[in-house]
Amino acid sequence: MSTSAVKSYLPWVVATALFMEQLDSTIVNTAIPSMAASLNVTPLSLKAVVTSYILSLAVCIPISGWMADRFGTRRVFSAAVAIFTIASILCGLSVNAPMLVASRLLQGVGAAMMMPVGRLTIIRTFPKSQLLAAMNFVIIPALIGPLLGPTVGGLIVYWLSWREIFFVNVPVGLMALYLAHRYMPDYYGDKPRPLDLIGLVLFGTGIALLSWLLEVFGEHRIDPTSFAVLLFISISLLAAYAWHASEVLHPLLRLALFKVRTFRVSVLGGFVTRLGVGGLPFLLPLLYQLGLGLPAWQSGLLMMPSAAAAMGMKFISARVLARFGYRQVLIVNTVLIGVTIAMFSLVSAGTPLYVIVAISLCLGFFNSLQFSSMNTIAYADVDKSDSSMASTIASSMQQLSMSFGLAFGSLITGWYLGDMPQSNRVMLTSALHHAFLTLAVVTILSSLTFWTLRRSDGESISKGSDSDEDDADAEEVQAKAVVQTEVQTAAQTGRH
């Protein structure tokens, strides 16, 4: 298969798998009440269906890069899609809550490998000058998934049963497997490295415990003393991993990559930015349903303009970055996101719907540009030999930032609400307004992290200024991967 064919079809391969993953993650929440009634348990007890998936992601993402380097991107990606699809079938066939939770854990294992390995393959296939366009194409289906998820989930549960929401993944998974078999290049690491088992135990345990704490603390289901003790244990495990990583030759996550300025600013600066943005999925439904008194279906519809605007921005973000550069875009756009979040503090029961829709459109527009910028500049100065490690670290930090953001949004809302009854719509709305303003301030302050960028940072991506030598190296890597793929395919065909 030619290099041009790989470039043409690879984004479709990754996009299909990502669409399945994102659709599943949003569609499940809709069916929790129906699952609880069917399995004769309380809806609260099925929170583990969501939590188990998040914990599985947190633990397994860090080894995705090692798996891809050791066994090849095509094999690991295909196995991840297959695991996710099989786990979806098991979820649909579950006869009790423990089986459903176990199946969701298995689903998380597949999801943890799909996106990091898919993104790694994109990075290794496309030169930096084409990376932004390829990433933007891949992310559009990821935005369509959350757009359709609540509506599709509601219709399936209403007309059929909750089990069918998991069976929806089967045809999509089979399509992704077919595309991966045909068009996924098979990249291996330059130098095989041993698996850091001690690092996996330290980091995996620490990050899983921290993710779980953020999940339950955001719902106020743990007392402060227990939280403090477990938080200390989690931080100690992560600190022990940081020390361990500095002492071994092949750590699970090579923290020395943070010495690369653009990677450090993207991952750590983006983490702070996501604190503000990450609280919105928790706060907005509360504002719409409890503050404004809208039914759940109308609340879901009000989330759609943001996703639609995000998809629209993907088509012009490359031109915006080429015109203004990463530094200026990230500084200004972060402030605009903060201002937009603050505008939700003006939304009350008398606010016209078209005003809410306009704010949502602005939010989706600016968020989309922000994530495109942060996710691509991370690889601007990372060597191709380090792309696997960089993708793994970035994915791990993004997953953690999601948990932090949701917990942060819940925490500040509860702090402003205090002892006031949540049934009091006026008081609850006031608390939510203060929470939006706090998130806005945090987001605006996070723009300070992007001042450390230089004006020329990211030009290899935004303006396609790869040197001829870099382009030649990229093409050589791609050619080797294509040859390796075809040789292995021929060998497999011969054996059968």
Protein backbone atom coordinates (compact mmCIF):
# COMPACT_ATOMS: atom_id res chain seq x y z
CA MET A 1 0.00 0.00 0.00
CA SER A 2 1.34 3.44 -0.92
CA THR A 3 2.16 6.12 1.63
CA SER A 4 -0.54 8.38 0.17
CA ALA A 5 -3.16 5.65 0.67
CA VAL A 6 -2.09 5.24 4.30
CA LYS A 7 -2.43 8.99 4.84
CA SER A 8 -5.85 9.03 3.17
CA TYR A 9 -7.43 6.21 5.17
CA LEU A 10 -5.61 6.23 8.52
CA PRO A 11 -7.59 9.21 9.94
CA TRP A 12 -10.81 7.32 9.14
CA VAL A 13 -9.53 4.27 11.04
CA VAL A 14 -8.77 6.24 14.19
CA ALA A 15 -11.88 8.41 13.86
CA THR A 16 -14.19 5.38 13.68
CA ALA A 17 -12.79 3.88 16.87
CA LEU A 18 -12.85 7.23 18.65
CA PHE A 19 -16.47 7.79 17.62
CA MET A 20 -17.43 4.43 19.14
CA GLU A 21 -15.62 5.22 22.37
CA GLN A 22 -17.10 8.71 22.76
CA LEU A 23 -20.63 7.59 21.84
CA ASP A 24 -20.47 4.83 24.43
CA SER A 25 -19.19 7.09 27.21
CA THR A 26 -22.09 9.54 26.78
CA ILE A 27 -24.84 7.06 25.98
CA VAL A 28 -24.39 4.98 29.15
CA ASN A 29 -25.32 7.76 31.60
CA THR A 30 -28.76 8.03 29.99
CA ALA A 31 -29.55 4.39 30.74
CA ILE A 32 -28.46 4.20 34.41
CA PRO A 33 -32.06 4.40 35.80
CA SER A 34 -33.27 1.68 33.39
CA MET A 35 -30.27 -0.52 34.23
CA ALA A 36 -30.98 -0.16 37.94
CA ALA A 37 -34.65 -1.12 37.54
CA SER A 38 -33.78 -4.11 35.34
CA LEU A 39 -31.08 -5.43 37.69
CA ASN A 40 -33.09 -4.70 40.86
CA VAL A 41 -30.56 -2.31 42.39
CA THR A 42 -30.60 1.38 43.24
CA PRO A 43 -29.39 3.88 40.62
CA LEU A 44 -26.71 5.14 43.04
CA SER A 45 -25.20 1.67 43.35
CA LEU A 46 -24.67 1.63 39.59
CA LYS A 47 -22.37 4.63 39.79
CA ALA A 48 -19.66 1.96 39.76
CA VAL A 49 -20.58 1.34 36.12
CA VAL A 50 -19.11 4.76 35.30
CA THR A 51 -16.38 4.79 37.96
CA SER A 52 -14.97 1.37 37.01
CA TYR A 53 -14.57 2.52 33.41
CA ILE A 54 -12.68 5.66 34.50
CA LEU A 55 -10.39 3.69 36.84
CA SER A 56 -9.61 1.18 34.12
CA LEU A 57 -8.67 4.01 31.78
CA ALA A 58 -6.42 5.63 34.38
CA VAL A 59 -4.49 2.42 35.06
CA CYS A 60 -4.14 1.12 31.50
CA ILE A 61 -3.36 4.29 29.52
CA PRO A 62 0.23 4.46 30.88
CA ILE A 63 1.18 1.09 29.35
CA SER A 64 -0.38 1.82 25.94
CA GLY A 65 2.84 3.31 24.59
CA TRP A 66 4.93 0.34 25.73
CA MET A 67 2.41 -2.07 24.22
CA ALA A 68 2.53 -0.26 20.87
CA ASP A 69 6.33 -0.18 20.81
CA ARG A 70 6.58 -3.85 21.77
CA PHE A 71 3.80 -5.46 19.72
CA GLY A 72 3.17 -2.91 16.95
CA THR A 73 0.54 -0.22 16.54
CA ARG A 74 -1.74 -2.21 14.24
CA ARG A 75 -1.84 -5.29 16.44
CA VAL A 76 -2.42 -3.33 19.67
CA PHE A 77 -5.00 -1.01 18.09
CA SER A 78 -6.92 -3.93 16.57
CA ALA A 79 -6.80 -5.85 19.85
CA ALA A 80 -8.08 -2.77 21.70
CA VAL A 81 -11.03 -2.41 19.31
CA ALA A 82 -11.79 -6.13 19.61
CA ILE A 83 -11.65 -6.01 23.43
CA PHE A 84 -13.91 -2.96 23.51
CA THR A 85 -16.43 -4.62 21.17
CA ILE A 86 -16.47 -7.93 23.05
CA ALA A 87 -16.80 -6.10 26.37
CA SER A 88 -19.74 -4.15 24.93
CA ILE A 89 -21.48 -7.44 24.11
CA LEU A 90 -20.81 -8.70 27.64
CA CYS A 91 -22.25 -5.48 29.07
CA GLY A 92 -25.43 -6.01 27.05
CA LEU A 93 -25.68 -9.62 28.25
CA SER A 94 -25.03 -8.83 31.93
CA VAL A 95 -27.44 -10.54 34.32
CA ASN A 96 -26.40 -8.65 37.47
CA ALA A 97 -24.56 -5.53 38.60
CA PRO A 98 -21.17 -7.20 39.33
CA MET A 99 -21.06 -8.67 35.81
CA LEU A 100 -21.91 -5.28 34.34
CA VAL A 101 -19.17 -3.54 36.36
CA ALA A 102 -16.61 -6.21 35.38
CA SER A 103 -17.56 -5.82 31.72
CA ARG A 104 -17.15 -2.05 31.99
CA LEU A 105 -13.68 -2.60 33.46
CA LEU A 106 -12.83 -4.67 30.38
CA GLN A 107 -14.27 -1.93 28.17
CA GLY A 108 -11.96 0.56 29.85
CA VAL A 109 -8.96 -1.62 29.02
CA GLY A 110 -9.85 -1.48 25.33
CA ALA A 111 -10.59 2.25 25.39
CA ALA A 112 -7.29 2.96 27.18
CA MET A 113 -5.39 1.49 24.23
CA MET A 114 -7.51 2.80 21.35
CA MET A 115 -7.03 6.56 21.48
CA PRO A 116 -3.38 6.79 22.65
CA VAL A 117 -2.25 4.20 20.09
CA GLY A 118 -4.42 5.75 17.36
CA ARG A 119 -2.99 9.19 18.08
CA LEU A 120 0.54 7.75 18.17
CA THR A 121 0.03 6.24 14.70
CA ILE A 122 -1.18 9.59 13.37
CA ILE A 123 1.90 11.32 14.82
CA ARG A 124 4.29 8.80 13.27
CA THR A 125 2.59 8.80 9.89
CA PHE A 126 2.14 12.51 9.22
CA PRO A 127 4.98 15.05 9.16
CA LYS A 128 4.50 17.91 11.61
CA SER A 129 3.37 20.22 8.80
CA GLN A 130 0.30 17.98 8.23
CA LEU A 131 -0.33 16.96 11.84
CA LEU A 132 -2.87 19.66 12.73
CA ALA A 133 -5.14 18.87 9.76
CA ALA A 134 -4.99 15.13 10.49
CA MET A 135 -5.76 15.60 14.19
CA ASN A 136 -8.66 17.92 13.41
CA PHE A 137 -10.19 15.34 11.07
CA VAL A 138 -9.91 12.61 13.70
CA ILE A 139 -11.48 14.69 16.47
CA ILE A 140 -14.68 15.59 14.57
CA PRO A 141 -16.31 12.15 15.10
CA ALA A 142 -15.33 12.43 18.77
CA LEU A 143 -17.46 15.58 18.93
CA ILE A 144 -20.36 13.93 17.10
CA GLY A 145 -20.43 11.10 19.68
CA PRO A 146 -21.35 13.30 22.67
CA LEU A 147 -23.73 15.21 20.39
CA LEU A 148 -25.72 12.07 19.53
CA GLY A 149 -25.14 10.10 22.73
CA PRO A 150 -27.85 11.46 25.06
CA THR A 151 -30.47 11.59 22.29
CA VAL A 152 -29.69 8.13 20.88
CA GLY A 153 -29.48 6.67 24.38
CA GLY A 154 -32.84 8.12 25.35
CA LEU A 155 -34.53 6.80 22.21
CA ILE A 156 -33.03 3.32 22.58
CA VAL A 157 -34.03 3.05 26.24
CA TYR A 158 -37.54 4.35 25.45
CA TRP A 159 -38.25 2.11 22.45
CA LEU A 160 -36.09 -0.96 23.21
CA SER A 161 -34.06 -1.64 26.37
CA TRP A 162 -30.83 -0.50 28.01
CA ARG A 163 -29.01 -3.59 26.68
CA GLU A 164 -29.21 -2.35 23.10
CA ILE A 165 -27.12 0.74 23.92
CA PHE A 166 -24.10 -1.54 24.22
CA PHE A 167 -24.95 -3.56 21.11
CA VAL A 168 -24.74 -0.34 19.08
CA ASN A 169 -20.96 -0.64 19.43
CA VAL A 170 -20.82 -3.98 17.61
CA PRO A 171 -21.26 -2.82 13.98
CA VAL A 172 -19.05 0.22 14.60
CA GLY A 173 -16.39 -1.98 16.18
CA LEU A 174 -16.47 -4.45 13.28
CA MET A 175 -16.06 -1.58 10.82
CA ALA A 176 -13.10 -0.23 12.82
CA LEU A 177 -11.50 -3.70 12.84
CA TYR A 178 -11.86 -3.99 9.07
CA LEU A 179 -10.39 -0.55 8.47
CA ALA A 180 -7.52 -1.23 10.88
CA HIS A 181 -6.68 -4.49 9.14
CA ARG A 182 -6.61 -2.78 5.75
CA TYR A 183 -5.11 0.63 6.44
CA MET A 184 -3.40 0.76 9.86
CA PRO A 185 0.41 0.92 9.53
CA ASP A 186 2.35 -1.29 11.91
CA TYR A 187 4.94 0.83 13.73
CA TYR A 188 7.30 -0.61 16.33
CA GLY A 189 9.59 1.12 18.79
CA ASP A 190 13.13 1.81 17.61
CA LYS A 191 14.59 -0.01 20.58
CA PRO A 192 12.52 -2.56 22.54
CA ARG A 193 12.42 -1.62 26.23
CA PRO A 194 11.42 -3.75 29.21
CA LEU A 195 8.15 -3.07 30.99
CA ASP A 196 8.66 -1.07 34.17
CA LEU A 197 6.60 -3.27 36.51
CA ILE A 198 7.52 -1.37 39.67
CA GLY A 199 6.64 1.91 37.98
CA LEU A 200 3.36 0.42 36.75
CA VAL A 201 2.39 -0.62 40.28
CA LEU A 202 3.37 2.74 41.82
CA PHE A 203 1.87 4.97 39.15
CA GLY A 204 -1.15 2.76 38.39
CA THR A 205 -2.14 2.42 42.04
CA GLY A 206 -1.55 6.10 42.78
CA ILE A 207 -3.44 7.39 39.76
CA ALA A 208 -6.34 4.93 40.23
CA LEU A 209 -6.72 5.90 43.88
CA LEU A 210 -6.55 9.60 43.02
CA SER A 211 -9.15 9.22 40.23
CA TRP A 212 -11.48 7.33 42.57
CA LEU A 213 -11.06 9.94 45.32
CA LEU A 214 -11.91 12.76 42.95
CA GLU A 215 -14.97 10.85 41.75
CA VAL A 216 -16.43 10.19 45.21
CA PHE A 217 -15.31 13.49 46.76
CA GLY A 218 -17.08 15.38 43.99
CA GLU A 219 -20.29 13.68 45.12
CA HIS A 220 -19.56 14.31 48.83
CA ARG A 221 -19.64 10.58 49.65
CA ILE A 222 -16.47 10.48 51.78
CA ASP A 223 -15.62 12.20 55.05
CA PRO A 224 -12.77 14.76 55.06
CA THR A 225 -10.47 12.68 57.32
CA SER A 226 -10.66 9.55 55.16
CA PHE A 227 -10.23 11.68 52.07
CA ALA A 228 -7.11 13.36 53.50
CA VAL A 229 -5.51 10.02 54.47
CA LEU A 230 -6.21 8.39 51.10
CA LEU A 231 -5.09 11.53 49.27
CA PHE A 232 -1.79 11.43 51.17
CA ILE A 233 -1.31 7.78 50.20
CA SER A 234 -2.08 8.55 46.56
CA ILE A 235 0.32 11.50 46.42
CA SER A 236 3.01 9.44 48.19
CA LEU A 237 2.68 6.68 45.59
CA LEU A 238 2.97 9.19 42.74
CA ALA A 239 5.96 10.87 44.43
CA ALA A 240 7.58 7.46 44.85
CA TYR A 241 7.02 6.86 41.15
CA ALA A 242 8.66 10.21 40.28
CA TRP A 243 11.74 9.20 42.29
CA HIS A 244 11.72 5.72 40.77
CA ALA A 245 11.45 7.13 37.23
CA SER A 246 14.57 9.23 37.78
CA GLU A 247 16.56 6.19 38.86
CA VAL A 248 15.76 3.59 36.19
CA LEU A 249 16.86 3.44 32.57
CA HIS A 250 13.46 2.61 31.08
CA PRO A 251 10.67 4.14 33.23
CA LEU A 252 7.00 3.59 32.48
CA LEU A 253 6.56 7.33 31.85
CA ARG A 254 9.75 9.27 31.12
CA LEU A 255 9.25 12.51 33.03
CA ALA A 256 12.38 14.00 31.42
CA LEU A 257 10.12 14.89 28.46
CA PHE A 258 8.81 17.78 30.55
CA LYS A 259 12.14 19.48 29.88
CA VAL A 260 10.82 20.13 26.35
CA ARG A 261 9.21 23.56 26.75
CA THR A 262 6.33 23.19 24.29
CA PHE A 263 5.44 19.76 25.65
CA ARG A 264 5.57 21.01 29.24
CA VAL A 265 3.43 24.06 28.54
CA SER A 266 0.89 22.02 26.58
CA VAL A 267 0.48 19.27 29.19
CA LEU A 268 0.85 21.18 32.46
CA GLY A 269 -0.61 24.48 31.25
CA GLY A 270 -3.43 22.60 29.56
CA PHE A 271 -4.08 20.74 32.82
CA VAL A 272 -4.81 24.02 34.61
CA THR A 273 -6.98 25.27 31.76
CA ARG A 274 -9.02 22.06 31.85
CA LEU A 275 -9.79 22.65 35.53
CA GLY A 276 -12.08 25.48 34.51
CA VAL A 277 -13.48 23.87 31.38
CA GLY A 278 -13.78 20.42 32.99
CA GLY A 279 -16.32 21.59 35.56
CA LEU A 280 -18.85 22.69 32.94
CA PRO A 281 -20.31 19.22 32.15
CA PHE A 282 -21.31 19.08 35.84
CA LEU A 283 -22.51 22.67 36.26
CA LEU A 284 -24.44 23.27 33.04
CA PRO A 285 -27.03 20.46 33.48
CA LEU A 286 -27.61 21.70 37.05
CA LEU A 287 -28.13 25.24 35.79
CA TYR A 288 -30.51 24.14 33.04
CA GLN A 289 -32.52 21.53 34.96
CA LEU A 290 -32.50 22.77 38.56
CA GLY A 291 -31.81 26.46 38.09
CA LEU A 292 -34.01 27.10 35.04
CA GLY A 293 -36.43 24.22 35.65
CA LEU A 294 -36.02 22.71 32.15
CA PRO A 295 -36.75 19.01 31.52
CA ALA A 296 -33.80 16.71 30.88
CA TRP A 297 -34.39 16.49 27.12
CA GLN A 298 -34.34 20.28 26.73
CA SER A 299 -31.21 20.44 28.86
CA GLY A 300 -29.59 17.93 26.52
CA LEU A 301 -30.59 19.97 23.48
CA LEU A 302 -28.97 23.06 24.98
CA MET A 303 -25.65 21.17 25.06
CA MET A 304 -25.78 20.54 21.30
CA PRO A 305 -24.89 24.05 20.03
CA SER A 306 -21.54 23.84 21.81
CA ALA A 307 -20.67 20.56 20.07
CA ALA A 308 -21.85 21.89 16.71
CA ALA A 309 -19.70 25.02 17.05
CA ALA A 310 -16.73 22.87 18.05
CA MET A 311 -17.03 20.88 14.84
CA GLY A 312 -17.21 24.09 12.81
CA MET A 313 -14.03 25.46 14.38
CA LYS A 314 -12.10 22.33 13.39
CA PHE A 315 -12.35 23.41 9.76
CA ILE A 316 -10.71 26.80 10.33
CA SER A 317 -8.41 26.27 13.33
CA ALA A 318 -5.43 25.46 11.10
CA ARG A 319 -5.76 28.81 9.30
CA VAL A 320 -6.18 30.68 12.59
CA LEU A 321 -3.01 29.12 14.01
CA ALA A 322 -1.09 29.75 10.80
CA ARG A 323 -2.12 33.42 10.87
CA PHE A 324 -1.57 34.25 14.54
CA GLY A 325 0.70 31.51 15.92
CA TYR A 326 0.29 29.23 18.91
CA ARG A 327 1.45 31.70 21.56
CA GLN A 328 -0.98 34.47 20.64
CA VAL A 329 -3.88 32.09 20.02
CA LEU A 330 -3.48 30.25 23.33
CA ILE A 331 -3.13 33.43 25.38
CA VAL A 332 -6.07 35.27 23.83
CA ASN A 333 -8.31 32.24 23.40
CA THR A 334 -7.88 31.13 27.03
CA VAL A 335 -9.06 34.56 28.18
CA LEU A 336 -12.03 34.37 25.79
CA ILE A 337 -13.00 30.99 27.24
CA GLY A 338 -12.89 32.47 30.73
CA VAL A 339 -15.08 35.41 29.68
CA THR A 340 -17.57 33.03 28.05
CA ILE A 341 -17.76 30.87 31.18
CA ALA A 342 -18.40 34.03 33.21
CA MET A 343 -21.34 34.87 30.93
CA PHE A 344 -23.20 31.82 32.25
CA SER A 345 -23.37 33.65 35.61
CA LEU A 346 -25.85 36.00 33.92
CA VAL A 347 -28.20 33.19 32.85
CA SER A 348 -31.37 32.99 34.95
CA ALA A 349 -34.98 31.86 34.58
CA GLY A 350 -35.84 34.95 32.53
CA THR A 351 -32.95 34.64 30.06
CA PRO A 352 -34.14 34.06 26.46
CA LEU A 353 -33.10 30.70 25.02
CA TYR A 354 -31.41 32.33 22.03
CA VAL A 355 -29.00 34.08 24.42
CA ILE A 356 -28.11 30.75 26.07
CA VAL A 357 -27.61 29.18 22.63
CA ALA A 358 -25.34 32.07 21.60
CA ILE A 359 -23.17 31.64 24.72
CA SER A 360 -23.00 27.88 24.11
CA LEU A 361 -21.91 28.46 20.52
CA CYS A 362 -19.10 30.76 21.69
CA LEU A 363 -18.02 28.23 24.30
CA GLY A 364 -17.84 25.37 21.79
CA PHE A 365 -16.04 27.57 19.27
CA PHE A 366 -13.31 28.70 21.69
CA ASN A 367 -12.96 25.31 23.42
CA SER A 368 -12.41 23.57 20.10
CA LEU A 369 -9.63 25.96 19.12
CA GLN A 370 -8.07 25.61 22.57
CA PHE A 371 -7.91 21.82 22.52
CA SER A 372 -6.67 21.70 18.92
CA SER A 373 -3.88 24.07 19.87
CA MET A 374 -2.87 22.39 23.13
CA ASN A 375 -3.07 18.85 21.75
CA THR A 376 -0.89 19.53 18.71
CA ILE A 377 1.79 21.88 20.06
CA ALA A 378 2.69 19.14 22.54
CA TYR A 379 4.45 17.32 19.69
CA ALA A 380 6.03 20.33 17.98
CA ASP A 381 9.50 19.72 19.44
CA VAL A 382 9.25 16.06 20.43
CA ASP A 383 11.48 13.67 18.48
CA LYS A 384 9.74 10.89 16.59
CA SER A 385 11.54 8.36 18.77
CA ASP A 386 9.81 9.92 21.81
CA SER A 387 6.35 10.22 20.23
CA SER A 388 5.07 7.04 21.90
CA MET A 389 6.09 8.22 25.36
CA ALA A 390 4.78 11.75 24.73
CA SER A 391 1.39 10.43 23.60
CA THR A 392 1.12 8.19 26.68
CA ILE A 393 1.97 11.00 29.12
CA ALA A 394 -0.39 13.46 27.41
CA SER A 395 -3.27 10.95 27.45
CA SER A 396 -2.70 10.12 31.13
CA MET A 397 -2.68 13.79 32.13
CA GLN A 398 -5.80 14.54 30.06
CA GLN A 399 -7.68 11.69 31.71
CA LEU A 400 -6.66 12.94 35.15
CA SER A 401 -7.60 16.53 34.30
CA MET A 402 -11.14 15.39 33.45
CA SER A 403 -11.55 13.90 36.93
CA PHE A 404 -10.01 17.00 38.53
CA GLY A 405 -12.31 19.32 36.58
CA LEU A 406 -15.52 17.52 37.52
CA ALA A 407 -14.52 17.29 41.18
CA PHE A 408 -13.47 20.95 41.22
CA GLY A 409 -16.80 22.07 39.76
CA SER A 410 -18.73 20.01 42.30
CA LEU A 411 -16.57 21.19 45.19
CA ILE A 412 -16.88 24.93 44.57
CA THR A 413 -20.63 24.65 43.94
CA GLY A 414 -21.07 22.85 47.25
CA TRP A 415 -18.92 25.46 49.00
CA TYR A 416 -21.02 28.35 47.68
CA LEU A 417 -24.25 26.48 48.41
CA GLY A 418 -23.23 25.72 52.01
CA ASP A 419 -26.13 24.58 54.15
CA MET A 420 -28.76 26.08 51.87
CA PRO A 421 -31.37 23.56 50.61
CA GLN A 422 -30.82 22.47 47.02
CA SER A 423 -34.58 22.55 46.48
CA ASN A 424 -34.45 26.35 46.70
CA ARG A 425 -34.06 27.29 43.03
CA VAL A 426 -33.01 30.88 43.70
CA MET A 427 -30.27 29.91 46.15
CA LEU A 428 -29.01 27.09 43.96
CA THR A 429 -28.88 29.35 40.91
CA SER A 430 -26.93 31.95 42.91
CA ALA A 431 -24.43 29.30 44.02
CA LEU A 432 -24.03 28.12 40.43
CA HIS A 433 -23.46 31.68 39.24
CA HIS A 434 -20.65 32.11 41.76
CA ALA A 435 -19.20 28.76 40.68
CA PHE A 436 -19.15 29.89 37.04
CA LEU A 437 -17.33 33.08 38.01
CA THR A 438 -14.75 31.07 39.98
CA LEU A 439 -14.14 28.74 37.02
CA ALA A 440 -13.81 31.78 34.77
CA VAL A 441 -11.14 33.34 37.01
CA VAL A 442 -9.17 30.07 37.14
CA THR A 443 -9.35 29.75 33.36
CA ILE A 444 -8.22 33.33 32.74
CA LEU A 445 -5.31 32.92 35.18
CA SER A 446 -4.24 29.74 33.37
CA SER A 447 -3.49 31.89 30.30
CA LEU A 448 -0.36 33.06 32.15
CA THR A 449 1.22 29.64 31.53
CA PHE A 450 1.16 30.24 27.78
CA TRP A 451 3.20 33.45 28.07
CA THR A 452 6.28 31.23 28.41
CA LEU A 453 5.86 30.15 24.78
CA ARG A 454 7.90 31.88 22.08
CA ARG A 455 6.36 33.40 18.99
CA SER A 456 8.00 30.79 16.77
CA ASP A 457 6.90 27.80 18.86
CA GLY A 458 4.76 25.37 16.89
CA GLU A 459 5.49 26.85 13.46
CA SER A 460 6.55 23.42 12.21
CA ILE A 461 2.89 22.45 12.72
CA SER A 462 0.92 25.65 12.11
CA LYS A 463 2.87 26.94 9.09
CA GLY A 464 4.30 23.72 7.74
CA SER A 465 7.87 24.90 8.15
CA ASP A 466 9.44 21.50 8.46
CA SER A 467 12.90 21.48 7.04
CA ASP A 468 13.60 19.36 4.00
CA GLU A 469 15.64 17.06 6.17
CA ASP A 470 12.77 16.58 8.61
CA ASP A 471 10.36 15.83 5.75
CA ALA A 472 12.79 13.34 4.30
CA ASP A 473 13.15 11.62 7.66
CA ALA A 474 9.37 11.48 8.05
CA GLU A 475 8.90 9.97 4.60
CA GLU A 476 11.62 7.41 5.32
CA VAL A 477 9.89 6.37 8.54
CA GLN A 478 6.57 6.10 6.70
CA ALA A 479 8.11 4.08 3.87
CA LYS A 480 9.73 1.66 6.30
CA ALA A 481 6.43 1.22 8.13
CA VAL A 482 4.57 0.53 4.87
CA VAL A 483 7.17 -2.02 3.75
CA GLN A 484 7.09 -3.66 7.17
CA THR A 485 3.30 -3.83 7.07
CA GLU A 486 3.24 -5.46 3.63
CA VAL A 487 5.98 -7.95 4.53
CA GLN A 488 4.12 -9.04 7.65
CA THR A 489 0.82 -9.27 5.74
CA ALA A 490 2.46 -11.46 3.11
CA ALA A 491 3.98 -13.65 5.82
CA GLN A 492 0.63 -14.06 7.55
CA THR A 493 -1.04 -14.91 4.25
CA GLY A 494 1.60 -17.51 3.52
CA ARG A 495 1.11 -19.20 6.86
CA HIS A 496 -2.61 -19.52 6.24
